[in-house]
Amino acid sequence: MSRRAIGWAAGAAAAVLVAAGAVTYAVADPGSGSGSGDGKAAQRTPSADSADAGFARDMAVHHQQAVEMSYIVRDHTKNEDVRRLAYDIAQTQANQRGMLLGWLDLWGLPKVSADPPMTWMGMGGMVTAKDGSLMPGMATNTQMKKLATLNGKQAEIFYLQLMTNHHKGGIHMAEGCVAKCTVGVEKSLAQGMVDAQQSELQVMAGMLKERGAKPLS
């Protein structure tokens, strides 16, 4: 995988973070629009069971695992391309996670819910937590422990495989927010996640191919 391709993916992630600054300001500013053009609508706070709150809660958890996974592989390989990709993913998703939790604070809503994950997408009864995998694409506890035992090329391949599934699950969730969330700037951030993670999927597919490996089934 060329550095140019990795740089392009990193640029997409950086663009999401640049937009994120405006997103955070807009959510914090009650006078900002929410896509409806209605000042009163812009000041309405999402309810605890809304798609806006559900996405913020669930994606914060989903992102946290990606950050942990990325720091593990960064310390278990010397390959510059993988380390650079892992660092970009960790920084992007850590910043986005902070925004998601910050919005819940601004809205005065809890960061946890008694409802199962993905309830806001109508999938609360369909997603079964298995060995720590709480949402689509998340790695299991067993997989996370295995990643921590690997080094070099083996660690790179397993990380790329796990992160590929992680991104696919994250994209599915972000697309759900684009369709269901009502806060305009949150919808915009979710669309930015979709765009950036799709570009990273292409980069990771190339990296796996270079290593003679394929995504997990």
Protein backbone atom coordinates (compact mmCIF):
# COMPACT_ATOMS: atom_id res chain seq x y z
CA MET A 1 0.00 0.00 0.00
CA SER A 2 1.51 3.29 -1.05
CA ARG A 3 2.06 6.12 1.35
CA ARG A 4 0.00 8.24 -0.98
CA ALA A 5 -3.05 6.01 -0.42
CA ILE A 6 -2.51 6.00 3.33
CA GLY A 7 -2.10 9.75 3.27
CA TRP A 8 -5.37 10.07 1.37
CA ALA A 9 -7.20 8.04 4.01
CA ALA A 10 -5.56 10.06 6.76
CA GLY A 11 -6.60 13.22 4.96
CA ALA A 12 -10.20 12.04 4.94
CA ALA A 13 -10.01 11.37 8.66
CA ALA A 14 -8.44 14.77 9.25
CA ALA A 15 -11.25 16.42 7.32
CA VAL A 16 -13.73 14.80 9.68
CA LEU A 17 -11.85 16.23 12.66
CA VAL A 18 -11.72 19.71 11.14
CA ALA A 19 -15.45 19.57 10.57
CA ALA A 20 -15.82 18.23 14.09
CA GLY A 21 -14.70 21.51 15.59
CA ALA A 22 -17.54 23.26 13.84
CA VAL A 23 -19.88 20.44 14.82
CA THR A 24 -19.05 20.76 18.51
CA TYR A 25 -19.51 24.52 18.40
CA ALA A 26 -22.83 24.20 16.59
CA VAL A 27 -24.21 21.70 19.10
CA ALA A 28 -23.07 23.85 22.01
CA ASP A 29 -24.58 26.98 20.48
CA PRO A 30 -28.37 26.91 20.95
CA GLY A 31 -28.72 29.50 18.22
CA SER A 32 -27.18 27.26 15.56
CA GLY A 33 -29.35 25.56 13.00
CA SER A 34 -30.14 21.85 13.02
CA GLY A 35 -30.92 21.53 9.37
CA SER A 36 -34.56 22.55 9.74
CA GLY A 37 -34.10 26.31 9.65
CA ASP A 38 -36.35 26.53 12.69
CA GLY A 39 -34.72 28.33 15.63
CA LYS A 40 -37.05 26.67 18.12
CA ALA A 41 -36.32 23.25 16.67
CA ALA A 42 -32.60 23.99 16.95
CA GLN A 43 -32.99 24.50 20.69
CA ARG A 44 -34.89 21.28 21.36
CA THR A 45 -32.87 18.71 23.27
CA PRO A 46 -32.98 15.07 22.12
CA SER A 47 -34.68 12.65 24.51
CA ALA A 48 -32.80 9.85 26.26
CA ASP A 49 -34.40 7.26 23.98
CA SER A 50 -33.81 9.20 20.76
CA ALA A 51 -31.62 8.02 17.89
CA ASP A 52 -29.35 11.01 18.57
CA ALA A 53 -28.65 9.91 22.15
CA GLY A 54 -28.53 6.22 21.29
CA PHE A 55 -26.01 6.75 18.51
CA ALA A 56 -23.85 8.95 20.74
CA ARG A 57 -23.82 6.33 23.50
CA ASP A 58 -23.27 3.30 21.30
CA MET A 59 -20.69 4.83 18.97
CA ALA A 60 -18.68 6.08 21.94
CA VAL A 61 -18.37 2.46 23.12
CA HIS A 62 -17.66 1.21 19.59
CA HIS A 63 -14.95 3.85 19.09
CA GLN A 64 -13.29 3.08 22.42
CA GLN A 65 -12.51 -0.46 21.31
CA ALA A 66 -11.04 0.79 18.03
CA VAL A 67 -8.75 3.10 19.99
CA GLU A 68 -7.61 0.26 22.25
CA MET A 69 -7.06 -2.07 19.30
CA SER A 70 -5.03 0.54 17.44
CA TYR A 71 -2.71 1.25 20.35
CA ILE A 72 -2.13 -2.48 20.82
CA VAL A 73 -0.93 -2.99 17.25
CA ARG A 74 1.10 0.22 17.29
CA ASP A 75 3.18 -1.31 20.08
CA HIS A 76 3.41 -4.75 18.44
CA THR A 77 4.79 -3.90 15.01
CA LYS A 78 7.55 -1.78 13.55
CA ASN A 79 5.85 -1.42 10.17
CA GLU A 80 5.50 2.31 9.55
CA ASP A 81 2.41 2.09 7.36
CA VAL A 82 0.41 0.05 9.85
CA ARG A 83 1.59 2.17 12.76
CA ARG A 84 0.61 5.35 10.90
CA LEU A 85 -2.83 3.98 10.04
CA ALA A 86 -3.39 2.78 13.60
CA TYR A 87 -2.35 6.14 15.02
CA ASP A 88 -4.67 8.01 12.64
CA ILE A 89 -7.61 5.76 13.54
CA ALA A 90 -6.90 6.05 17.27
CA GLN A 91 -6.64 9.84 17.19
CA THR A 92 -9.70 10.32 14.98
CA GLN A 93 -11.95 8.02 16.94
CA ALA A 94 -10.75 9.23 20.34
CA ASN A 95 -11.63 12.80 19.32
CA GLN A 96 -15.00 11.75 17.94
CA ARG A 97 -15.72 9.75 21.10
CA GLY A 98 -15.02 12.84 23.17
CA MET A 99 -17.51 14.83 21.10
CA LEU A 100 -20.21 12.18 21.37
CA LEU A 101 -19.89 12.04 25.15
CA GLY A 102 -19.69 15.84 25.29
CA TRP A 103 -22.99 16.13 23.46
CA LEU A 104 -24.65 13.83 25.98
CA ASP A 105 -23.36 16.13 28.71
CA LEU A 106 -24.65 19.20 26.88
CA TRP A 107 -28.04 17.54 26.47
CA GLY A 108 -28.10 16.48 30.13
CA LEU A 109 -28.55 12.83 29.12
CA PRO A 110 -27.03 9.67 30.67
CA LYS A 111 -24.03 8.05 29.02
CA VAL A 112 -25.42 4.57 29.67
CA SER A 113 -28.84 3.07 29.08
CA ALA A 114 -30.78 0.12 30.45
CA ASP A 115 -31.84 -0.66 26.88
CA PRO A 116 -29.74 -3.09 24.83
CA PRO A 117 -27.24 -1.58 22.38
CA MET A 118 -28.67 -0.68 18.97
CA THR A 119 -32.19 -0.20 20.36
CA TRP A 120 -32.26 3.22 18.68
CA MET A 121 -31.83 1.43 15.34
CA GLY A 122 -34.65 -1.00 16.09
CA MET A 123 -32.12 -3.79 16.62
CA GLY A 124 -32.14 -3.97 20.42
CA GLY A 125 -33.55 -7.48 20.47
CA MET A 126 -31.50 -8.69 17.51
CA VAL A 127 -27.96 -7.93 18.70
CA THR A 128 -26.71 -10.44 21.26
CA ALA A 129 -23.59 -9.60 23.23
CA LYS A 130 -21.09 -12.42 22.77
CA ASP A 131 -17.80 -12.52 24.62
CA GLY A 132 -17.68 -8.74 24.89
CA SER A 133 -18.79 -8.05 21.31
CA LEU A 134 -21.64 -5.67 22.12
CA MET A 135 -22.38 -4.29 18.65
CA PRO A 136 -21.85 -5.13 14.97
CA GLY A 137 -18.19 -5.32 14.03
CA MET A 138 -16.83 -5.26 17.56
CA ALA A 139 -14.08 -7.74 18.39
CA THR A 140 -14.64 -10.28 21.14
CA ASN A 141 -12.64 -10.29 24.36
CA THR A 142 -10.89 -13.41 23.11
CA GLN A 143 -9.86 -11.67 19.88
CA MET A 144 -8.57 -8.63 21.75
CA LYS A 145 -6.47 -10.86 24.00
CA LYS A 146 -5.13 -12.74 20.98
CA LEU A 147 -4.13 -9.47 19.27
CA ALA A 148 -2.12 -8.54 22.34
CA THR A 149 -0.10 -11.77 22.05
CA LEU A 150 0.91 -11.28 18.41
CA ASN A 151 3.83 -9.38 16.96
CA GLY A 152 5.08 -8.23 13.58
CA LYS A 153 3.27 -9.43 10.46
CA GLN A 154 0.86 -11.63 12.43
CA ALA A 155 -0.23 -8.68 14.55
CA GLU A 156 -0.60 -6.50 11.45
CA ILE A 157 -2.82 -9.01 9.66
CA PHE A 158 -5.05 -9.71 12.64
CA TYR A 159 -5.42 -6.02 13.40
CA LEU A 160 -6.35 -5.24 9.79
CA GLN A 161 -8.88 -8.09 9.81
CA LEU A 162 -10.45 -7.00 13.09
CA MET A 163 -10.49 -3.33 12.11
CA THR A 164 -12.06 -4.14 8.75
CA ASN A 165 -15.01 -5.77 10.53
CA HIS A 166 -15.03 -2.95 13.07
CA HIS A 167 -15.30 -0.31 10.35
CA LYS A 168 -18.06 -2.20 8.55
CA GLY A 169 -20.08 -2.30 11.77
CA GLY A 170 -19.33 1.35 12.48
CA ILE A 171 -20.41 2.38 9.00
CA HIS A 172 -23.70 0.51 9.48
CA MET A 173 -24.32 2.42 12.72
CA ALA A 174 -23.30 5.77 11.26
CA GLU A 175 -25.61 5.26 8.30
CA GLY A 176 -28.37 4.56 10.83
CA CYS A 177 -27.74 7.95 12.44
CA VAL A 178 -27.74 9.67 9.06
CA ALA A 179 -31.19 8.18 8.49
CA LYS A 180 -32.65 8.53 11.99
CA CYS A 181 -30.88 11.29 13.94
CA THR A 182 -32.58 14.70 14.09
CA VAL A 183 -29.67 16.93 15.14
CA GLY A 184 -28.27 18.18 11.85
CA VAL A 185 -24.66 18.49 12.94
CA GLU A 186 -24.68 14.98 14.42
CA LYS A 187 -25.99 13.64 11.12
CA SER A 188 -23.15 15.49 9.39
CA LEU A 189 -20.55 13.95 11.68
CA ALA A 190 -22.06 10.50 11.11
CA GLN A 191 -21.81 10.97 7.34
CA GLY A 192 -18.20 12.06 7.78
CA MET A 193 -17.54 8.81 9.66
CA VAL A 194 -19.04 6.83 6.79
CA ASP A 195 -16.87 8.59 4.21
CA ALA A 196 -13.62 8.35 6.19
CA GLN A 197 -14.06 4.74 7.23
CA GLN A 198 -14.97 3.64 3.70
CA SER A 199 -11.70 5.13 2.47
CA GLU A 200 -9.81 3.36 5.26
CA LEU A 201 -11.48 0.07 4.30
CA GLN A 202 -9.93 0.40 0.84
CA VAL A 203 -6.52 1.06 2.35
CA MET A 204 -6.80 -1.93 4.71
CA ALA A 205 -7.92 -4.22 1.89
CA GLY A 206 -4.74 -3.32 0.02
CA MET A 207 -2.60 -3.89 3.11
CA LEU A 208 -4.13 -7.33 3.67
CA LYS A 209 -3.54 -8.26 0.03
CA GLU A 210 0.10 -7.19 0.31
CA ARG A 211 0.45 -9.59 3.24
CA GLY A 212 -1.23 -12.50 1.44
CA ALA A 213 -4.25 -12.34 3.73
CA LYS A 214 -7.98 -11.80 3.42
CA PRO A 215 -10.65 -10.25 5.66
CA LEU A 216 -12.25 -12.51 8.25
CA SER A 217 -15.37 -14.30 7.08
